[in-house]
């Protein structure tokens, strides 16, 4: 018996991985975060499976279901949105399973920031503009930020920021980042990426609060900040430049140039 922590992806049912789909379709127990995982993915579960929405449950109740499945010898598909390694709250579940001697595995999924970049139609790492993406959040009721990870500090890098779980804290985001990024820095708010009701809102650091209010967005949104979001005239990557030599291309041409051989 194994508990599988499965990344269900950002929302669209066909963005779950093949491995995740196969596990859901054969596990006799399925626990899923109902507020974030679409029901269509849960419908992959086999007929007669025990299916529970964990949104109203607390940790002890969730772990108790896993322990009961372990005693029955039944595998568990534990579905989390996006990729479970990012704000998945799986650490405490795995710790409890280790204490009980119950085996588990993690199955990665498409993370929300990657899905959001896709619906934006944006590459987040452009030459000469941004080669670093910081995935972060602001402090809240559930989890305060550790010392050294506040936006004021992370913002000193000038990197592209993907700010999770902070749509209700935009005033703080603006105050923390404006000194480094500027009031006109591009911002994109992506609401429920890949869901049928997704929204992509392009604005600026100083205008994002008004735009969030206008669109009545209060949850389930990612906030991206950085010049890469509306970059124009950037340099092309050297990767596909005909004069850029690497292991899989132009090795023979490089040899010919050095030896004087060739056409």
C-alpha atoms as a PDB file:
ATOM      1  CA  UNK A   1       0.000   0.000   0.000  1.00  0.00           C
ATOM      2  CA  UNK A   2       1.228   3.485  -0.855  1.00  0.00           C
ATOM      3  CA  UNK A   3      -0.112   7.015  -0.423  1.00  0.00           C
ATOM      4  CA  UNK A   4       0.509   8.959  -3.627  1.00  0.00           C
ATOM      5  CA  UNK A   5       0.697  12.745  -3.328  1.00  0.00           C
ATOM      6  CA  UNK A   6      -0.335  13.676  -6.848  1.00  0.00           C
ATOM      7  CA  UNK A   7      -0.001  17.069  -8.471  1.00  0.00           C
ATOM      8  CA  UNK A   8      -3.344  17.484 -10.233  1.00  0.00           C
ATOM      9  CA  UNK A   9      -2.144  20.462 -12.247  1.00  0.00           C
ATOM     10  CA  UNK A  10      -3.522  24.002 -12.366  1.00  0.00           C
ATOM     11  CA  UNK A  11      -7.128  23.247 -13.270  1.00  0.00           C
ATOM     12  CA  UNK A  12      -7.657  21.900 -16.786  1.00  0.00           C
ATOM     13  CA  UNK A  13      -8.313  18.158 -16.351  1.00  0.00           C
ATOM     14  CA  UNK A  14      -6.074  17.208 -19.276  1.00  0.00           C
ATOM     15  CA  UNK A  15      -3.057  18.864 -17.630  1.00  0.00           C
ATOM     16  CA  UNK A  16      -2.678  16.130 -15.039  1.00  0.00           C
ATOM     17  CA  UNK A  17       0.317  13.940 -15.935  1.00  0.00           C
ATOM     18  CA  UNK A  18      -0.105  10.483 -17.425  1.00  0.00           C
ATOM     19  CA  UNK A  19       1.329   9.006 -14.231  1.00  0.00           C
ATOM     20  CA  UNK A  20      -1.087  10.973 -12.082  1.00  0.00           C
ATOM     21  CA  UNK A  21      -4.050   9.943 -14.236  1.00  0.00           C
ATOM     22  CA  UNK A  22      -3.080   6.272 -14.084  1.00  0.00           C
ATOM     23  CA  UNK A  23      -2.770   6.343 -10.302  1.00  0.00           C
ATOM     24  CA  UNK A  24      -6.106   8.097  -9.762  1.00  0.00           C
ATOM     25  CA  UNK A  25      -7.797   5.609 -12.080  1.00  0.00           C
ATOM     26  CA  UNK A  26      -6.662   2.612 -10.027  1.00  0.00           C
ATOM     27  CA  UNK A  27      -6.500   3.808  -6.391  1.00  0.00           C
ATOM     28  CA  UNK A  28      -9.520   2.659  -4.345  1.00  0.00           C
ATOM     29  CA  UNK A  29      -9.224   5.731  -2.100  1.00  0.00           C
ATOM     30  CA  UNK A  30      -9.108   9.297  -3.418  1.00  0.00           C
ATOM     31  CA  UNK A  31      -8.641  12.351  -1.191  1.00  0.00           C
ATOM     32  CA  UNK A  32      -8.763  15.676  -2.995  1.00  0.00           C
ATOM     33  CA  UNK A  33      -8.731  19.394  -2.228  1.00  0.00           C
ATOM     34  CA  UNK A  34     -12.194  20.169  -3.524  1.00  0.00           C
ATOM     35  CA  UNK A  35     -11.806  23.931  -3.686  1.00  0.00           C
ATOM     36  CA  UNK A  36      -8.808  23.670  -6.017  1.00  0.00           C
ATOM     37  CA  UNK A  37      -8.969  20.325  -7.846  1.00  0.00           C
ATOM     38  CA  UNK A  38     -11.690  20.022 -10.506  1.00  0.00           C
ATOM     39  CA  UNK A  39     -14.232  17.258 -10.081  1.00  0.00           C
ATOM     40  CA  UNK A  40     -13.459  15.963 -13.601  1.00  0.00           C
ATOM     41  CA  UNK A  41     -10.086  14.697 -12.330  1.00  0.00           C
ATOM     42  CA  UNK A  42     -11.700  12.945  -9.372  1.00  0.00           C
ATOM     43  CA  UNK A  43     -14.069  11.273 -11.841  1.00  0.00           C
ATOM     44  CA  UNK A  44     -11.071   9.287 -13.129  1.00  0.00           C
ATOM     45  CA  UNK A  45     -11.260   7.245  -9.896  1.00  0.00           C
ATOM     46  CA  UNK A  46     -12.478   3.640 -10.227  1.00  0.00           C
ATOM     47  CA  UNK A  47     -16.110   2.767  -9.641  1.00  0.00           C
ATOM     48  CA  UNK A  48     -16.816   2.246  -5.968  1.00  0.00           C
ATOM     49  CA  UNK A  49     -13.759   4.207  -4.808  1.00  0.00           C
ATOM     50  CA  UNK A  50     -13.916   6.017  -1.487  1.00  0.00           C
ATOM     51  CA  UNK A  51     -13.780   9.693  -2.489  1.00  0.00           C
ATOM     52  CA  UNK A  52     -13.476  12.466   0.066  1.00  0.00           C
ATOM     53  CA  UNK A  53     -13.194  16.231  -0.339  1.00  0.00           C
ATOM     54  CA  UNK A  54     -10.607  17.296   2.241  1.00  0.00           C
ATOM     55  CA  UNK A  55     -11.457  21.005   2.114  1.00  0.00           C
ATOM     56  CA  UNK A  56     -13.575  20.846   5.311  1.00  0.00           C
ATOM     57  CA  UNK A  57     -11.307  18.298   7.024  1.00  0.00           C
ATOM     58  CA  UNK A  58      -8.433  18.940   9.433  1.00  0.00           C
ATOM     59  CA  UNK A  59      -5.038  17.220   9.356  1.00  0.00           C
ATOM     60  CA  UNK A  60      -5.851  14.502  11.876  1.00  0.00           C
ATOM     61  CA  UNK A  61      -8.968  13.477   9.942  1.00  0.00           C
ATOM     62  CA  UNK A  62      -7.059  13.304   6.663  1.00  0.00           C
ATOM     63  CA  UNK A  63      -4.267  11.224   8.168  1.00  0.00           C
ATOM     64  CA  UNK A  64      -6.827   8.964   9.846  1.00  0.00           C
ATOM     65  CA  UNK A  65      -8.268   8.152   6.411  1.00  0.00           C
ATOM     66  CA  UNK A  66      -4.778   7.252   5.182  1.00  0.00           C
ATOM     67  CA  UNK A  67      -4.141   5.045   8.210  1.00  0.00           C
ATOM     68  CA  UNK A  68      -7.461   3.267   7.689  1.00  0.00           C
ATOM     69  CA  UNK A  69      -6.611   2.672   4.018  1.00  0.00           C
ATOM     70  CA  UNK A  70      -3.214   1.329   5.070  1.00  0.00           C
ATOM     71  CA  UNK A  71      -4.886  -1.202   7.366  1.00  0.00           C
ATOM     72  CA  UNK A  72      -7.134  -2.291   4.483  1.00  0.00           C
ATOM     73  CA  UNK A  73      -4.145  -2.553   2.148  1.00  0.00           C
ATOM     74  CA  UNK A  74      -5.560   0.088  -0.209  1.00  0.00           C
ATOM     75  CA  UNK A  75      -3.531   2.622  -2.179  1.00  0.00           C
ATOM     76  CA  UNK A  76      -4.494   6.272  -1.735  1.00  0.00           C
ATOM     77  CA  UNK A  77      -4.500   8.985  -4.389  1.00  0.00           C
ATOM     78  CA  UNK A  78      -4.015  12.248  -2.502  1.00  0.00           C
ATOM     79  CA  UNK A  79      -4.698  15.023  -5.004  1.00  0.00           C
ATOM     80  CA  UNK A  80      -3.260  18.505  -4.588  1.00  0.00           C
ATOM     81  CA  UNK A  81      -3.530  21.374  -7.036  1.00  0.00           C
ATOM     82  CA  UNK A  82      -0.597  22.390  -9.214  1.00  0.00           C
ATOM     83  CA  UNK A  83       2.611  20.734  -8.089  1.00  0.00           C
ATOM     84  CA  UNK A  84       2.484  19.422  -4.513  1.00  0.00           C
ATOM     85  CA  UNK A  85       5.993  20.661  -3.708  1.00  0.00           C
ATOM     86  CA  UNK A  86       4.871  24.308  -3.889  1.00  0.00           C
ATOM     87  CA  UNK A  87       2.522  25.479  -1.116  1.00  0.00           C
ATOM     88  CA  UNK A  88       1.023  21.991  -1.061  1.00  0.00           C
ATOM     89  CA  UNK A  89       0.934  21.537   2.730  1.00  0.00           C
ATOM     90  CA  UNK A  90       2.134  17.978   2.211  1.00  0.00           C
ATOM     91  CA  UNK A  91       5.100  18.209   4.589  1.00  0.00           C
ATOM     92  CA  UNK A  92       3.022  17.652   7.713  1.00  0.00           C
ATOM     93  CA  UNK A  93       1.106  14.823   6.043  1.00  0.00           C
ATOM     94  CA  UNK A  94       4.317  13.029   5.059  1.00  0.00           C
ATOM     95  CA  UNK A  95       5.711  13.521   8.557  1.00  0.00           C
ATOM     96  CA  UNK A  96       2.626  11.878  10.018  1.00  0.00           C
ATOM     97  CA  UNK A  97       2.886   8.978   7.555  1.00  0.00           C
ATOM     98  CA  UNK A  98       6.555   8.475   8.405  1.00  0.00           C
ATOM     99  CA  UNK A  99       5.592   8.310  12.076  1.00  0.00           C
ATOM    100  CA  UNK A 100       3.033   5.608  11.257  1.00  0.00           C
ATOM    101  CA  UNK A 101       5.403   3.698   8.973  1.00  0.00           C
ATOM    102  CA  UNK A 102       3.159   4.206   5.929  1.00  0.00           C
ATOM    103  CA  UNK A 103       4.964   4.429   2.563  1.00  0.00           C
ATOM    104  CA  UNK A 104       4.308   7.371   0.250  1.00  0.00           C
ATOM    105  CA  UNK A 105       5.449   8.825  -3.067  1.00  0.00           C
ATOM    106  CA  UNK A 106       5.207  12.257  -4.680  1.00  0.00           C
ATOM    107  CA  UNK A 107       3.984  12.579  -8.257  1.00  0.00           C
ATOM    108  CA  UNK A 108       4.843  16.012  -9.694  1.00  0.00           C
ATOM    109  CA  UNK A 109       2.304  18.137 -11.521  1.00  0.00           C
ATOM    110  CA  UNK A 110       2.149  21.254 -13.700  1.00  0.00           C
ATOM    111  CA  UNK A 111       2.706  24.165 -11.282  1.00  0.00           C
ATOM    112  CA  UNK A 112       0.415  27.174 -11.295  1.00  0.00           C
ATOM    113  CA  UNK A 113       3.142  29.628 -12.308  1.00  0.00           C
ATOM    114  CA  UNK A 114       3.970  27.579 -15.419  1.00  0.00           C
ATOM    115  CA  UNK A 115       0.307  27.337 -16.404  1.00  0.00           C
ATOM    116  CA  UNK A 116      -0.111  31.072 -15.850  1.00  0.00           C
ATOM    117  CA  UNK A 117       2.906  31.845 -18.055  1.00  0.00           C
ATOM    118  CA  UNK A 118       1.342  29.686 -20.766  1.00  0.00           C
ATOM    119  CA  UNK A 119      -2.000  31.478 -20.717  1.00  0.00           C
ATOM    120  CA  UNK A 120      -0.144  34.820 -20.676  1.00  0.00           C
ATOM    121  CA  UNK A 121       1.837  33.715 -23.715  1.00  0.00           C
ATOM    122  CA  UNK A 122       5.015  34.882 -22.007  1.00  0.00           C
ATOM    123  CA  UNK A 123       8.513  33.502 -21.600  1.00  0.00           C
ATOM    124  CA  UNK A 124       9.630  34.386 -18.101  1.00  0.00           C
ATOM    125  CA  UNK A 125      13.378  34.210 -18.814  1.00  0.00           C
ATOM    126  CA  UNK A 126      14.489  36.508 -21.631  1.00  0.00           C
ATOM    127  CA  UNK A 127      18.175  37.233 -22.402  1.00  0.00           C
ATOM    128  CA  UNK A 128      19.419  40.450 -20.868  1.00  0.00           C
ATOM    129  CA  UNK A 129      16.148  41.104 -19.020  1.00  0.00           C
ATOM    130  CA  UNK A 130      15.433  38.301 -16.576  1.00  0.00           C
ATOM    131  CA  UNK A 131      17.113  34.986 -15.922  1.00  0.00           C
ATOM    132  CA  UNK A 132      15.695  34.483 -12.435  1.00  0.00           C
ATOM    133  CA  UNK A 133      12.181  33.695 -11.258  1.00  0.00           C
ATOM    134  CA  UNK A 134      11.334  33.924  -7.571  1.00  0.00           C
ATOM    135  CA  UNK A 135       8.288  31.997  -6.386  1.00  0.00           C
ATOM    136  CA  UNK A 136       7.107  33.526  -3.150  1.00  0.00           C
ATOM    137  CA  UNK A 137       4.136  34.786  -1.162  1.00  0.00           C
ATOM    138  CA  UNK A 138       3.346  37.328   1.497  1.00  0.00           C
ATOM    139  CA  UNK A 139       2.700  36.458   5.117  1.00  0.00           C
ATOM    140  CA  UNK A 140      -0.800  35.527   6.179  1.00  0.00           C
ATOM    141  CA  UNK A 141      -2.827  33.819   8.859  1.00  0.00           C
ATOM    142  CA  UNK A 142      -1.666  30.324   7.937  1.00  0.00           C
ATOM    143  CA  UNK A 143       2.059  31.007   7.515  1.00  0.00           C
ATOM    144  CA  UNK A 144       4.182  34.046   8.379  1.00  0.00           C
ATOM    145  CA  UNK A 145       7.198  34.660   6.194  1.00  0.00           C
ATOM    146  CA  UNK A 146      10.559  33.467   7.549  1.00  0.00           C
ATOM    147  CA  UNK A 147      13.161  36.088   8.380  1.00  0.00           C
ATOM    148  CA  UNK A 148      15.002  37.134   5.238  1.00  0.00           C
ATOM    149  CA  UNK A 149      12.212  36.190   2.810  1.00  0.00           C
ATOM    150  CA  UNK A 150      10.122  39.346   2.928  1.00  0.00           C
ATOM    151  CA  UNK A 151       9.298  41.042  -0.383  1.00  0.00           C
ATOM    152  CA  UNK A 152      11.392  44.060   0.506  1.00  0.00           C
ATOM    153  CA  UNK A 153      14.443  41.774   0.562  1.00  0.00           C
ATOM    154  CA  UNK A 154      13.566  39.534  -2.383  1.00  0.00           C
ATOM    155  CA  UNK A 155      12.710  42.567  -4.480  1.00  0.00           C
ATOM    156  CA  UNK A 156      16.273  43.832  -4.292  1.00  0.00           C
ATOM    157  CA  UNK A 157      17.184  41.218  -6.900  1.00  0.00           C
ATOM    158  CA  UNK A 158      15.040  42.838  -9.591  1.00  0.00           C
ATOM    159  CA  UNK A 159      14.076  39.310 -10.676  1.00  0.00           C
ATOM    160  CA  UNK A 160      10.712  38.258 -12.048  1.00  0.00           C
ATOM    161  CA  UNK A 161       8.415  37.590  -9.104  1.00  0.00           C
ATOM    162  CA  UNK A 162       5.569  35.091  -9.081  1.00  0.00           C
ATOM    163  CA  UNK A 163       3.663  35.959  -5.926  1.00  0.00           C
ATOM    164  CA  UNK A 164       1.247  33.333  -4.675  1.00  0.00           C
ATOM    165  CA  UNK A 165      -1.581  33.594  -2.138  1.00  0.00           C
ATOM    166  CA  UNK A 166      -1.373  37.373  -1.931  1.00  0.00           C
ATOM    167  CA  UNK A 167      -4.222  38.846  -3.960  1.00  0.00           C
ATOM    168  CA  UNK A 168      -5.721  40.295  -0.771  1.00  0.00           C
ATOM    169  CA  UNK A 169      -2.399  41.823   0.213  1.00  0.00           C
ATOM    170  CA  UNK A 170      -1.667  43.975  -2.826  1.00  0.00           C
ATOM    171  CA  UNK A 171      -1.197  47.182  -0.837  1.00  0.00           C
ATOM    172  CA  UNK A 172       1.735  45.559   0.942  1.00  0.00           C
ATOM    173  CA  UNK A 173       3.095  44.178  -2.347  1.00  0.00           C
ATOM    174  CA  UNK A 174       3.049  47.659  -3.860  1.00  0.00           C
ATOM    175  CA  UNK A 175       4.751  49.278  -0.871  1.00  0.00           C
ATOM    176  CA  UNK A 176       7.421  46.593  -0.701  1.00  0.00           C
ATOM    177  CA  UNK A 177       8.326  46.546  -4.390  1.00  0.00           C
ATOM    178  CA  UNK A 178       7.795  50.059  -5.719  1.00  0.00           C
ATOM    179  CA  UNK A 179      11.171  51.428  -4.504  1.00  0.00           C
ATOM    180  CA  UNK A 180      13.029  48.839  -6.614  1.00  0.00           C
ATOM    181  CA  UNK A 181      10.651  48.133  -9.513  1.00  0.00           C
ATOM    182  CA  UNK A 182       8.915  51.503  -9.913  1.00  0.00           C
ATOM    183  CA  UNK A 183       5.253  52.407 -10.059  1.00  0.00           C
ATOM    184  CA  UNK A 184       5.021  51.649 -13.801  1.00  0.00           C
ATOM    185  CA  UNK A 185       6.574  48.191 -13.573  1.00  0.00           C
ATOM    186  CA  UNK A 186       4.460  45.662 -15.493  1.00  0.00           C
ATOM    187  CA  UNK A 187       2.212  43.403 -13.437  1.00  0.00           C
ATOM    188  CA  UNK A 188       0.027  40.545 -14.623  1.00  0.00           C
ATOM    189  CA  UNK A 189      -2.678  39.059 -12.425  1.00  0.00           C
ATOM    190  CA  UNK A 190      -3.728  35.575 -13.542  1.00  0.00           C
ATOM    191  CA  UNK A 191      -6.944  34.298 -12.016  1.00  0.00           C
ATOM    192  CA  UNK A 192      -7.648  30.534 -12.101  1.00  0.00           C
ATOM    193  CA  UNK A 193      -5.218  29.724 -14.908  1.00  0.00           C
ATOM    194  CA  UNK A 194      -6.571  27.062 -17.330  1.00  0.00           C
ATOM    195  CA  UNK A 195     -10.015  26.971 -15.665  1.00  0.00           C
ATOM    196  CA  UNK A 196     -13.004  27.923 -17.872  1.00  0.00           C
ATOM    197  CA  UNK A 197     -13.366  31.252 -16.027  1.00  0.00           C
ATOM    198  CA  UNK A 198      -9.679  32.219 -16.136  1.00  0.00           C
ATOM    199  CA  UNK A 199      -8.737  35.894 -16.393  1.00  0.00           C
ATOM    200  CA  UNK A 200      -5.476  37.545 -17.426  1.00  0.00           C
ATOM    201  CA  UNK A 201      -5.249  41.142 -16.257  1.00  0.00           C
ATOM    202  CA  UNK A 202      -2.328  43.284 -17.420  1.00  0.00           C
ATOM    203  CA  UNK A 203      -1.612  46.331 -15.329  1.00  0.00           C
ATOM    204  CA  UNK A 204       1.158  48.060 -13.382  1.00  0.00           C
ATOM    205  CA  UNK A 205       2.428  47.976  -9.834  1.00  0.00           C
ATOM    206  CA  UNK A 206       0.548  51.155  -8.988  1.00  0.00           C
ATOM    207  CA  UNK A 207      -2.606  50.111 -10.825  1.00  0.00           C
ATOM    208  CA  UNK A 208      -2.982  46.490  -9.734  1.00  0.00           C
ATOM    209  CA  UNK A 209      -5.143  47.135  -6.657  1.00  0.00           C
ATOM    210  CA  UNK A 210      -7.742  49.024  -8.658  1.00  0.00           C
ATOM    211  CA  UNK A 211      -7.764  46.348 -11.354  1.00  0.00           C
ATOM    212  CA  UNK A 212      -8.204  43.551  -8.832  1.00  0.00           C
ATOM    213  CA  UNK A 213     -11.158  45.420  -7.311  1.00  0.00           C
ATOM    214  CA  UNK A 214     -12.671  46.112 -10.728  1.00  0.00           C
ATOM    215  CA  UNK A 215     -12.581  42.423 -11.633  1.00  0.00           C
ATOM    216  CA  UNK A 216     -13.617  41.362  -8.105  1.00  0.00           C
ATOM    217  CA  UNK A 217     -10.679  39.031  -7.656  1.00  0.00           C
ATOM    218  CA  UNK A 218     -10.207  38.006  -4.044  1.00  0.00           C
ATOM    219  CA  UNK A 219      -8.667  34.524  -4.255  1.00  0.00           C
ATOM    220  CA  UNK A 220      -7.033  31.895  -6.501  1.00  0.00           C
ATOM    221  CA  UNK A 221      -4.809  34.322  -8.356  1.00  0.00           C
ATOM    222  CA  UNK A 222      -1.100  34.665  -9.094  1.00  0.00           C
ATOM    223  CA  UNK A 223       0.567  38.062  -9.275  1.00  0.00           C
ATOM    224  CA  UNK A 224       3.573  38.428 -11.577  1.00  0.00           C
ATOM    225  CA  UNK A 225       5.875  41.437 -11.305  1.00  0.00           C
ATOM    226  CA  UNK A 226       8.824  42.337 -13.522  1.00  0.00           C
ATOM    227  CA  UNK A 227      10.029  44.050 -16.719  1.00  0.00           C
ATOM    228  CA  UNK A 228      10.015  40.740 -18.606  1.00  0.00           C
ATOM    229  CA  UNK A 229       6.216  40.844 -18.728  1.00  0.00           C
ATOM    230  CA  UNK A 230       6.074  43.424 -21.531  1.00  0.00           C
ATOM    231  CA  UNK A 231       9.624  43.249 -22.874  1.00  0.00           C
ATOM    232  CA  UNK A 232      10.198  44.355 -26.452  1.00  0.00           C
ATOM    233  CA  UNK A 233      13.346  44.385 -28.553  1.00  0.00           C
ATOM    234  CA  UNK A 234      15.150  41.839 -26.396  1.00  0.00           C
ATOM    235  CA  UNK A 235      18.177  39.948 -27.706  1.00  0.00           C
ATOM    236  CA  UNK A 236      17.638  36.519 -29.210  1.00  0.00           C
ATOM    237  CA  UNK A 237      19.123  33.643 -27.280  1.00  0.00           C
ATOM    238  CA  UNK A 238      22.484  32.442 -28.594  1.00  0.00           C
ATOM    239  CA  UNK A 239      21.203  28.870 -28.360  1.00  0.00           C
ATOM    240  CA  UNK A 240      19.890  28.877 -31.939  1.00  0.00           C
ATOM    241  CA  UNK A 241      22.442  31.258 -33.429  1.00  0.00           C
ATOM    242  CA  UNK A 242      24.162  29.537 -36.389  1.00  0.00           C
ATOM    243  CA  UNK A 243      27.569  30.512 -35.017  1.00  0.00           C
ATOM    244  CA  UNK A 244      26.862  29.095 -31.556  1.00  0.00           C
ATOM    245  CA  UNK A 245      28.579  25.731 -31.283  1.00  0.00           C
ATOM    246  CA  UNK A 246      27.366  23.104 -28.854  1.00  0.00           C
ATOM    247  CA  UNK A 247      27.556  19.342 -28.473  1.00  0.00           C
ATOM    248  CA  UNK A 248      24.636  18.541 -30.763  1.00  0.00           C
ATOM    249  CA  UNK A 249      25.252  21.022 -33.588  1.00  0.00           C
ATOM    250  CA  UNK A 250      28.095  22.342 -35.738  1.00  0.00           C
ATOM    251  CA  UNK A 251      30.828  20.178 -34.255  1.00  0.00           C
ATOM    252  CA  UNK A 252      31.962  19.162 -37.714  1.00  0.00           C
ATOM    253  CA  UNK A 253      31.863  22.767 -38.924  1.00  0.00           C
ATOM    254  CA  UNK A 254      33.982  23.824 -35.941  1.00  0.00           C
ATOM    255  CA  UNK A 255      36.538  21.118 -36.747  1.00  0.00           C
ATOM    256  CA  UNK A 256      36.640  22.099 -40.426  1.00  0.00           C
ATOM    257  CA  UNK A 257      37.299  25.753 -39.538  1.00  0.00           C
ATOM    258  CA  UNK A 258      40.208  24.789 -37.308  1.00  0.00           C
ATOM    259  CA  UNK A 259      41.791  22.376 -39.817  1.00  0.00           C
ATOM    260  CA  UNK A 260      41.096  24.312 -42.972  1.00  0.00           C
ATOM    261  CA  UNK A 261      39.130  21.381 -44.382  1.00  0.00           C
ATOM    262  CA  UNK A 262      35.620  21.445 -45.768  1.00  0.00           C
ATOM    263  CA  UNK A 263      33.819  23.145 -48.624  1.00  0.00           C
END
